[in-house]
N, C-alpha and C. Protein backbone atom coordinates (compact mmCIF):
# COMPACT_ATOMS: atom_id res chain seq x y z
N MET A 1 5.54 14.92 47.49
CA MET A 1 5.01 16.38 47.40
C MET A 1 5.94 16.90 47.65
N GLU A 2 7.11 16.77 48.33
CA GLU A 2 7.98 17.86 48.76
C GLU A 2 8.76 18.29 47.27
N ALA A 3 8.57 17.77 46.32
CA ALA A 3 9.00 17.29 44.90
C ALA A 3 8.57 19.13 44.37
N VAL A 4 7.05 19.14 44.97
CA VAL A 4 6.33 20.05 44.13
C VAL A 4 6.73 21.38 44.92
N LEU A 5 6.85 21.45 46.22
CA LEU A 5 7.85 22.88 46.72
C LEU A 5 9.05 22.91 46.51
N LYS A 6 10.12 22.06 45.99
CA LYS A 6 11.15 22.53 46.02
C LYS A 6 11.11 22.59 44.23
N LEU A 7 10.31 22.65 43.93
CA LEU A 7 10.59 22.62 42.22
C LEU A 7 9.92 24.41 41.84
N HIS A 8 8.98 24.53 43.13
CA HIS A 8 8.64 25.75 43.24
C HIS A 8 9.66 27.34 43.86
N GLY A 9 10.55 26.57 44.94
CA GLY A 9 11.74 27.30 45.69
C GLY A 9 10.70 27.78 46.87
N LEU A 10 9.96 26.66 47.03
CA LEU A 10 8.94 27.15 48.52
C LEU A 10 9.88 26.32 49.63
N ILE A 11 10.82 25.37 49.57
CA ILE A 11 11.51 24.71 50.53
C ILE A 11 12.80 24.29 49.93
N ASP A 12 14.28 24.53 50.18
CA ASP A 12 15.33 23.91 50.02
C ASP A 12 15.32 22.63 49.48
N PRO A 13 16.04 22.81 48.62
CA PRO A 13 16.17 20.88 47.87
C PRO A 13 16.75 20.39 48.86
N ASP A 14 17.44 20.58 49.89
CA ASP A 14 17.72 19.48 50.58
C ASP A 14 16.89 19.21 52.10
N ALA A 15 15.59 19.91 51.98
CA ALA A 15 14.78 19.90 53.15
C ALA A 15 14.10 18.54 52.40
N PHE A 16 13.84 18.02 53.85
CA PHE A 16 12.56 16.43 53.33
C PHE A 16 11.51 16.48 54.37
N PRO A 17 11.02 17.25 54.71
CA PRO A 17 10.10 17.74 56.01
C PRO A 17 9.22 16.76 55.63
N TYR A 18 8.49 15.74 54.66
CA TYR A 18 7.34 14.60 54.63
C TYR A 18 7.93 13.81 54.60
N GLN A 19 9.33 13.18 53.65
CA GLN A 19 9.80 11.96 54.35
C GLN A 19 10.14 11.80 55.68
N ASN A 20 11.05 12.97 56.26
CA ASN A 20 11.31 12.90 57.54
C ASN A 20 10.19 12.33 58.34
N LYS A 21 9.21 13.26 58.49
CA LYS A 21 7.51 13.07 59.19
C LYS A 21 7.00 11.71 59.43
N PHE A 22 6.93 11.47 57.41
CA PHE A 22 6.35 9.66 57.77
C PHE A 22 7.44 8.99 57.10
N GLN A 23 8.51 9.19 57.46
CA GLN A 23 9.57 7.76 57.15
C GLN A 23 9.52 7.08 56.13
N ASN A 24 9.11 7.69 54.91
CA ASN A 24 8.91 6.98 53.75
C ASN A 24 7.66 6.26 53.58
N GLU A 25 6.73 6.15 54.39
CA GLU A 25 5.72 5.14 54.38
C GLU A 25 4.93 5.92 53.24
N PRO A 26 4.62 4.66 52.78
CA PRO A 26 3.65 4.50 51.03
C PRO A 26 2.44 5.17 51.48
N ILE A 27 2.34 6.58 51.41
CA ILE A 27 1.75 7.43 51.90
C ILE A 27 0.49 7.54 50.60
N GLY A 28 1.59 7.83 48.92
CA GLY A 28 0.92 8.26 48.17
C GLY A 28 0.44 9.66 48.42
N PHE A 29 -0.81 9.95 47.70
CA PHE A 29 -1.40 11.39 47.81
C PHE A 29 -2.42 11.72 49.60
N GLU A 30 -2.08 11.00 50.08
CA GLU A 30 -3.46 10.78 50.99
C GLU A 30 -3.21 12.55 51.90
N LYS A 31 -1.90 12.67 51.66
CA LYS A 31 -1.56 13.76 53.16
C LYS A 31 -1.62 15.18 52.63
N ILE A 32 -2.06 15.42 50.89
CA ILE A 32 -1.90 16.46 50.35
C ILE A 32 -2.60 17.91 50.95
N HIS A 33 -3.49 17.57 52.08
CA HIS A 33 -3.45 18.88 52.71
C HIS A 33 -2.83 19.49 53.23
N LEU A 34 -1.55 18.88 53.58
CA LEU A 34 -0.49 19.12 53.90
C LEU A 34 0.12 20.49 53.28
N LEU A 35 -0.01 20.21 52.25
CA LEU A 35 0.67 21.58 51.19
C LEU A 35 -0.46 22.56 51.13
N LEU A 36 -1.17 22.78 51.84
CA LEU A 36 -2.36 23.98 52.28
C LEU A 36 -1.56 25.06 52.99
N ALA A 37 -0.49 24.48 54.19
CA ALA A 37 0.53 25.25 54.53
C ALA A 37 1.52 26.26 53.47
N TYR A 38 1.80 25.91 52.27
CA TYR A 38 2.69 26.57 51.43
C TYR A 38 1.71 27.45 50.50
N ARG A 39 -0.09 27.13 50.89
CA ARG A 39 -0.91 27.78 49.90
C ARG A 39 -0.57 27.28 48.60
N ILE A 40 -0.86 26.03 48.46
CA ILE A 40 -1.14 25.15 47.38
C ILE A 40 -2.20 24.15 47.70
N GLU A 41 -3.27 24.24 46.85
CA GLU A 41 -3.90 23.34 47.48
C GLU A 41 -3.92 22.21 45.73
N GLY A 42 -3.98 20.91 46.51
CA GLY A 42 -3.72 19.87 45.73
C GLY A 42 -4.79 18.74 45.86
N LYS A 43 -5.12 18.28 44.44
CA LYS A 43 -5.90 17.37 43.75
C LYS A 43 -5.57 15.90 43.26
N ASP A 44 -6.32 14.84 44.30
CA ASP A 44 -5.98 13.52 43.94
C ASP A 44 -6.78 13.21 42.90
N THR A 45 -5.88 12.93 41.58
CA THR A 45 -7.03 13.00 39.97
C THR A 45 -6.73 11.48 39.34
N TRP A 46 -7.59 10.86 39.24
CA TRP A 46 -7.60 9.62 38.31
C TRP A 46 -8.09 9.64 37.32
N MET A 47 -7.46 9.44 35.99
CA MET A 47 -8.03 9.46 34.84
C MET A 47 -7.44 8.38 33.76
N PRO A 48 -8.59 7.63 32.70
CA PRO A 48 -7.80 6.72 32.05
C PRO A 48 -6.75 7.45 30.92
N LEU A 49 -5.81 6.61 30.53
CA LEU A 49 -4.76 7.00 29.84
C LEU A 49 -4.56 8.33 29.19
N GLU A 50 -5.51 8.14 28.17
CA GLU A 50 -5.58 9.73 27.24
C GLU A 50 -5.39 10.64 28.02
N ASP A 51 -6.72 10.69 28.68
CA ASP A 51 -7.38 11.89 29.49
C ASP A 51 -6.29 12.15 30.62
N ALA A 52 -5.30 11.76 31.02
CA ALA A 52 -4.25 11.75 31.99
C ALA A 52 -3.28 12.41 31.71
N ILE A 53 -3.00 11.66 30.31
CA ILE A 53 -1.79 12.41 29.38
C ILE A 53 -2.12 13.76 28.81
N ASN A 54 -3.36 13.90 28.65
CA ASN A 54 -3.82 15.32 28.28
C ASN A 54 -3.97 16.35 28.79
N LYS A 55 -4.47 16.01 30.67
CA LYS A 55 -4.53 16.99 31.36
C LYS A 55 -3.02 17.31 32.54
N ILE A 56 -2.36 15.97 32.49
CA ILE A 56 -0.51 16.26 32.94
C ILE A 56 0.03 17.27 31.74
N THR A 57 -0.42 17.13 30.15
CA THR A 57 0.21 18.01 29.15
C THR A 57 0.02 19.41 29.91
N SER A 58 -1.09 19.59 29.78
CA SER A 58 -1.76 20.96 29.95
C SER A 58 -0.92 21.51 31.57
N GLU A 59 -1.29 20.91 32.48
CA GLU A 59 -1.00 21.40 34.06
C GLU A 59 0.96 21.84 33.49
N THR A 60 1.76 20.69 33.01
CA THR A 60 2.93 21.48 32.61
C THR A 60 3.06 22.18 31.77
N LYS A 61 2.33 22.73 30.66
CA LYS A 61 2.62 23.84 30.13
C LYS A 61 2.03 25.15 30.65
N SER A 62 1.42 24.79 31.80
CA SER A 62 0.97 26.04 32.77
C SER A 62 2.11 26.55 33.80
N GLY A 63 3.30 25.79 34.12
CA GLY A 63 4.13 25.91 34.72
C GLY A 63 4.33 25.03 35.80
N ARG A 64 3.38 23.93 35.81
CA ARG A 64 3.08 23.06 37.09
C ARG A 64 3.43 21.86 36.96
N PHE A 65 4.06 21.28 37.67
CA PHE A 65 4.77 19.94 37.68
C PHE A 65 4.10 18.46 38.46
N PRO A 66 2.73 18.37 37.94
CA PRO A 66 2.11 17.08 38.12
C PRO A 66 2.84 15.99 38.90
N LEU A 67 2.44 15.24 39.99
CA LEU A 67 3.34 14.25 40.43
C LEU A 67 2.27 13.14 40.32
N VAL A 68 3.02 11.92 39.81
CA VAL A 68 2.46 10.90 38.82
C VAL A 68 2.83 9.59 40.08
N SER A 69 1.94 8.57 40.24
CA SER A 69 2.56 7.24 41.25
C SER A 69 1.96 6.39 40.32
N LEU A 70 3.63 6.04 40.02
CA LEU A 70 3.55 4.94 39.02
C LEU A 70 4.44 3.25 39.73
N LEU A 71 3.80 2.55 39.16
CA LEU A 71 4.23 0.83 39.32
C LEU A 71 5.90 0.86 39.01
N THR A 72 6.52 0.69 39.81
CA THR A 72 8.01 0.35 39.23
C THR A 72 8.88 -1.28 39.51
N GLY A 73 7.52 -2.13 40.05
CA GLY A 73 8.08 -3.47 39.90
C GLY A 73 6.86 -4.00 41.32
N ARG A 74 7.03 -5.20 40.94
CA ARG A 74 6.18 -6.21 42.01
C ARG A 74 6.76 -7.72 41.76
N ASP A 75 6.52 -8.40 43.03
CA ASP A 75 6.65 -9.45 43.26
C ASP A 75 5.68 -10.09 43.43
N LYS A 76 5.92 -11.74 44.16
CA LYS A 76 4.99 -12.50 44.27
C LYS A 76 3.69 -12.26 45.52
N ASP A 77 4.34 -10.99 46.06
CA ASP A 77 3.36 -10.77 47.69
C ASP A 77 3.38 -9.04 47.45
N ASN A 78 3.75 -8.50 46.59
CA ASN A 78 3.91 -6.62 46.52
C ASN A 78 4.57 -6.17 45.53
N THR A 79 3.49 -5.11 45.20
CA THR A 79 3.57 -4.02 44.24
C THR A 79 4.77 -2.81 44.86
N PHE A 80 5.31 -2.38 44.23
CA PHE A 80 6.41 -1.15 44.40
C PHE A 80 6.10 -0.05 43.46
N TRP A 81 5.75 1.24 44.26
CA TRP A 81 5.27 2.28 43.36
C TRP A 81 6.28 3.46 43.56
N HIS A 82 6.20 4.24 43.46
CA HIS A 82 7.17 5.51 43.09
C HIS A 82 6.15 6.90 42.56
N ILE A 83 6.65 7.85 42.95
CA ILE A 83 6.29 9.13 42.59
C ILE A 83 7.26 9.64 41.67
N PHE A 84 6.56 10.17 40.68
CA PHE A 84 7.28 10.76 39.37
C PHE A 84 7.12 12.22 39.24
N ALA A 85 7.96 13.21 39.22
CA ALA A 85 7.17 14.61 38.63
C ALA A 85 6.91 14.43 36.52
N ALA A 86 6.05 15.32 36.44
CA ALA A 86 6.09 15.27 34.78
C ALA A 86 6.58 16.91 34.63
N ARG A 87 7.19 17.17 33.52
CA ARG A 87 7.43 18.74 33.03
C ARG A 87 7.31 18.39 31.95
N GLN A 88 7.41 19.57 31.06
CA GLN A 88 7.11 19.99 30.03
C GLN A 88 8.53 20.24 29.42
N HIS A 89 9.43 19.64 28.19
CA HIS A 89 10.69 19.88 27.73
C HIS A 89 10.25 19.97 26.22
N GLY A 90 10.74 21.84 25.74
CA GLY A 90 9.93 21.62 24.40
C GLY A 90 8.64 21.03 24.23
N CYS A 91 8.69 20.68 23.16
CA CYS A 91 7.16 19.70 22.72
C CYS A 91 6.74 18.36 23.64
N GLU A 92 7.77 18.00 24.47
CA GLU A 92 7.97 16.32 24.96
C GLU A 92 7.49 16.82 26.65
N LEU A 93 6.25 16.14 26.66
CA LEU A 93 5.96 15.86 28.18
C LEU A 93 7.22 14.68 28.59
N GLN A 94 7.74 14.91 29.89
CA GLN A 94 8.82 14.15 30.46
C GLN A 94 8.37 13.55 32.26
N LEU A 95 8.82 12.58 32.46
CA LEU A 95 9.39 12.18 33.77
C LEU A 95 10.50 12.48 34.48
N ILE A 96 10.27 12.78 35.51
CA ILE A 96 11.90 12.54 35.97
C ILE A 96 11.44 12.40 37.54
N ASP A 97 12.68 11.55 38.01
CA ASP A 97 12.39 11.13 39.30
C ASP A 97 12.84 12.24 40.30
N PRO A 98 12.41 12.94 40.99
CA PRO A 98 12.93 13.78 42.07
C PRO A 98 13.49 13.23 43.10
N GLY A 99 13.62 12.29 43.62
CA GLY A 99 14.04 11.08 44.50
C GLY A 99 15.94 11.17 43.82
N LYS A 100 16.02 11.30 42.79
CA LYS A 100 17.26 11.41 42.63
C LYS A 100 18.24 12.55 42.19
N LEU A 101 19.50 12.99 42.48
CA LEU A 101 20.20 13.88 42.20
C LEU A 101 20.22 14.77 41.01
N GLY A 102 19.49 15.99 40.99
CA GLY A 102 19.54 16.60 39.83
C GLY A 102 18.04 15.85 38.74
N GLY A 103 17.52 15.31 39.41
CA GLY A 103 15.85 15.07 38.76
C GLY A 103 16.27 13.79 37.80
N GLU A 104 16.85 12.87 37.67
CA GLU A 104 17.20 11.92 36.75
C GLU A 104 15.99 11.73 36.17
N ILE A 105 16.20 11.90 34.77
CA ILE A 105 14.70 11.50 33.68
C ILE A 105 14.26 9.52 33.70
N HIS A 106 13.25 9.90 33.48
CA HIS A 106 12.62 8.36 33.74
C HIS A 106 11.92 8.12 32.39
N ALA A 107 11.44 9.11 31.40
CA ALA A 107 10.79 9.16 30.48
C ALA A 107 11.13 10.54 29.69
N THR A 108 11.74 10.52 28.61
CA THR A 108 12.24 11.37 27.86
C THR A 108 11.21 12.12 26.72
N SER A 109 10.33 11.82 26.46
CA SER A 109 9.14 12.02 25.46
C SER A 109 7.59 11.76 25.92
N THR A 110 6.99 12.24 25.31
CA THR A 110 5.45 11.92 25.24
C THR A 110 4.88 10.04 24.99
N ASP A 111 5.97 9.83 23.83
CA ASP A 111 5.34 8.34 23.56
C ASP A 111 6.00 7.61 25.11
N GLU A 112 7.30 7.80 25.28
CA GLU A 112 7.55 7.04 26.07
C GLU A 112 6.84 7.32 27.79
N VAL A 113 6.25 8.45 27.94
CA VAL A 113 5.75 8.83 29.07
C VAL A 113 4.31 8.06 28.92
N ARG A 114 3.65 7.62 27.64
CA ARG A 114 2.59 6.78 27.51
C ARG A 114 2.91 5.10 27.88
N ARG A 115 4.04 5.06 27.17
CA ARG A 115 4.35 3.26 27.42
C ARG A 115 4.85 3.27 29.19
N VAL A 116 5.14 3.88 29.83
CA VAL A 116 5.14 3.80 30.87
C VAL A 116 4.06 3.75 31.60
N PHE A 117 2.99 4.66 31.26
CA PHE A 117 1.57 4.68 32.08
C PHE A 117 0.74 3.42 31.48
N GLU A 118 1.29 3.04 30.43
CA GLU A 118 0.40 1.80 29.90
C GLU A 118 0.88 0.67 30.40
N PHE A 119 2.28 0.46 30.96
CA PHE A 119 3.02 -0.85 31.70
C PHE A 119 2.37 -0.87 33.29
N THR A 120 1.89 0.44 33.76
CA THR A 120 1.63 0.50 35.36
C THR A 120 0.28 -0.07 35.14
N LEU A 121 -0.37 0.42 33.98
CA LEU A 121 -1.96 0.04 33.63
C LEU A 121 -2.73 -2.10 33.29
N ALA A 122 -1.33 -2.20 32.55
CA ALA A 122 -1.20 -3.75 32.33
C ALA A 122 -0.79 -4.51 33.19
N LYS A 123 0.07 -4.06 34.25
CA LYS A 123 0.48 -4.87 35.55
C LYS A 123 -0.32 -4.85 36.88
N VAL A 124 -1.34 -3.76 36.62
CA VAL A 124 -1.79 -3.79 37.88
C VAL A 124 -3.56 -4.09 37.69
N PRO A 125 -3.63 -5.46 38.10
CA PRO A 125 -5.10 -5.83 37.64
C PRO A 125 -6.19 -4.74 38.33
N ASN A 126 -7.00 -4.99 37.13
CA ASN A 126 -8.17 -4.12 37.64
C ASN A 126 -8.03 -2.35 37.19
N ARG A 127 -6.93 -2.20 37.16
CA ARG A 127 -6.43 -0.71 36.97
C ARG A 127 -6.55 -0.05 35.82
N GLN A 128 -7.46 1.21 35.53
CA GLN A 128 -8.09 1.50 34.27
C GLN A 128 -7.50 2.80 34.53
N GLU A 129 -6.69 3.21 35.45
CA GLU A 129 -6.43 4.85 35.60
C GLU A 129 -5.59 5.58 36.03
N ILE A 130 -4.80 5.94 35.34
CA ILE A 130 -3.69 6.60 36.08
C ILE A 130 -3.62 7.73 37.71
N ASN A 131 -2.89 7.37 38.88
CA ASN A 131 -3.10 8.89 39.46
C ASN A 131 -2.49 9.42 39.42
N PHE A 132 -2.54 10.54 39.57
CA PHE A 132 -1.65 11.91 39.63
C PHE A 132 -1.88 13.42 40.69
N LEU A 133 -1.09 13.70 40.91
CA LEU A 133 -1.36 14.59 41.94
C LEU A 133 -1.04 15.96 41.41
N THR A 134 -2.46 16.90 40.76
CA THR A 134 -2.74 18.25 40.28
C THR A 134 -2.52 19.21 41.35
N TYR A 135 -2.21 20.77 41.22
CA TYR A 135 -2.18 21.68 42.06
C TYR A 135 -2.43 22.89 41.70
N THR A 136 -2.65 23.89 42.41
CA THR A 136 -3.28 25.56 42.09
C THR A 136 -2.67 25.77 43.57
N PHE A 137 -2.15 26.92 43.23
CA PHE A 137 -2.01 28.16 43.94
C PHE A 137 -2.87 28.86 44.43
N ILE A 138 -2.89 29.03 45.74
CA ILE A 138 -4.02 29.81 46.39
C ILE A 138 -3.94 31.25 46.46
N ASN A 139 -4.05 32.26 45.80
CA ASN A 139 -4.01 33.76 45.96
C ASN A 139 -4.86 34.29 47.09
N CYS A 140 -3.92 34.86 47.58
CA CYS A 140 -4.13 35.78 48.93
C CYS A 140 -4.39 37.45 48.72
N GLY A 141 -5.36 37.56 48.13
CA GLY A 141 -4.67 39.33 47.93
C GLY A 141 -4.15 39.89 46.90
N ASP A 142 -2.99 40.43 47.46
CA ASP A 142 -2.36 41.44 46.27
C ASP A 142 -0.86 39.97 45.48
N GLU A 143 -0.73 39.01 46.91
CA GLU A 143 0.73 38.45 46.66
C GLU A 143 -0.06 37.79 45.49
N THR A 144 1.56 37.56 45.25
CA THR A 144 1.71 36.55 43.68
C THR A 144 2.15 35.26 43.92
N GLN A 145 1.63 34.58 42.85
CA GLN A 145 2.29 33.26 43.30
C GLN A 145 3.35 32.61 43.40
N PRO A 146 3.72 31.81 44.08
CA PRO A 146 5.42 31.36 44.06
C PRO A 146 5.64 31.34 42.66
N LYS A 147 7.22 31.64 42.39
CA LYS A 147 7.78 31.45 40.95
C LYS A 147 8.67 29.86 41.03
N ILE A 148 8.56 29.68 39.67
CA ILE A 148 9.05 28.34 39.42
C ILE A 148 10.52 28.32 39.72
N ALA A 149 11.05 27.81 40.23
CA ALA A 149 12.74 27.53 40.40
C ALA A 149 13.52 27.51 39.04
N THR A 150 14.25 27.71 39.10
CA THR A 150 15.00 27.46 38.03
C THR A 150 16.95 27.31 38.13
């Protein structure tokens, strides 16, 4: 969730308020109510593959960076998940790793994003939907919504 705040210039790029508070616990999007302090209302969203791609694309075209929870590995006893940020680059949807310096690109095109999503769906039994965070800015009267960091 810090990635959303950083990408919109609401906290310093070196700040880690949630990671420090929760010590990298696997909380997913269960603490999205904390975004309200920044006038952001988050929504934990689950959608089938193509619906998820369409919704995430729409969100990125509107200047937002949906966060996507994706499988990054598994062993006999555990599954390993990571949160990626989606962005629009030209006509392509991309996934970036906000935990890497400079936001390392994880998928460079809409087709690659689809393959990454398909991997998660194929490797997790009974999983048929992609989990992602969408959000809106809460308008308080005349105030303008936060600007996108450049």
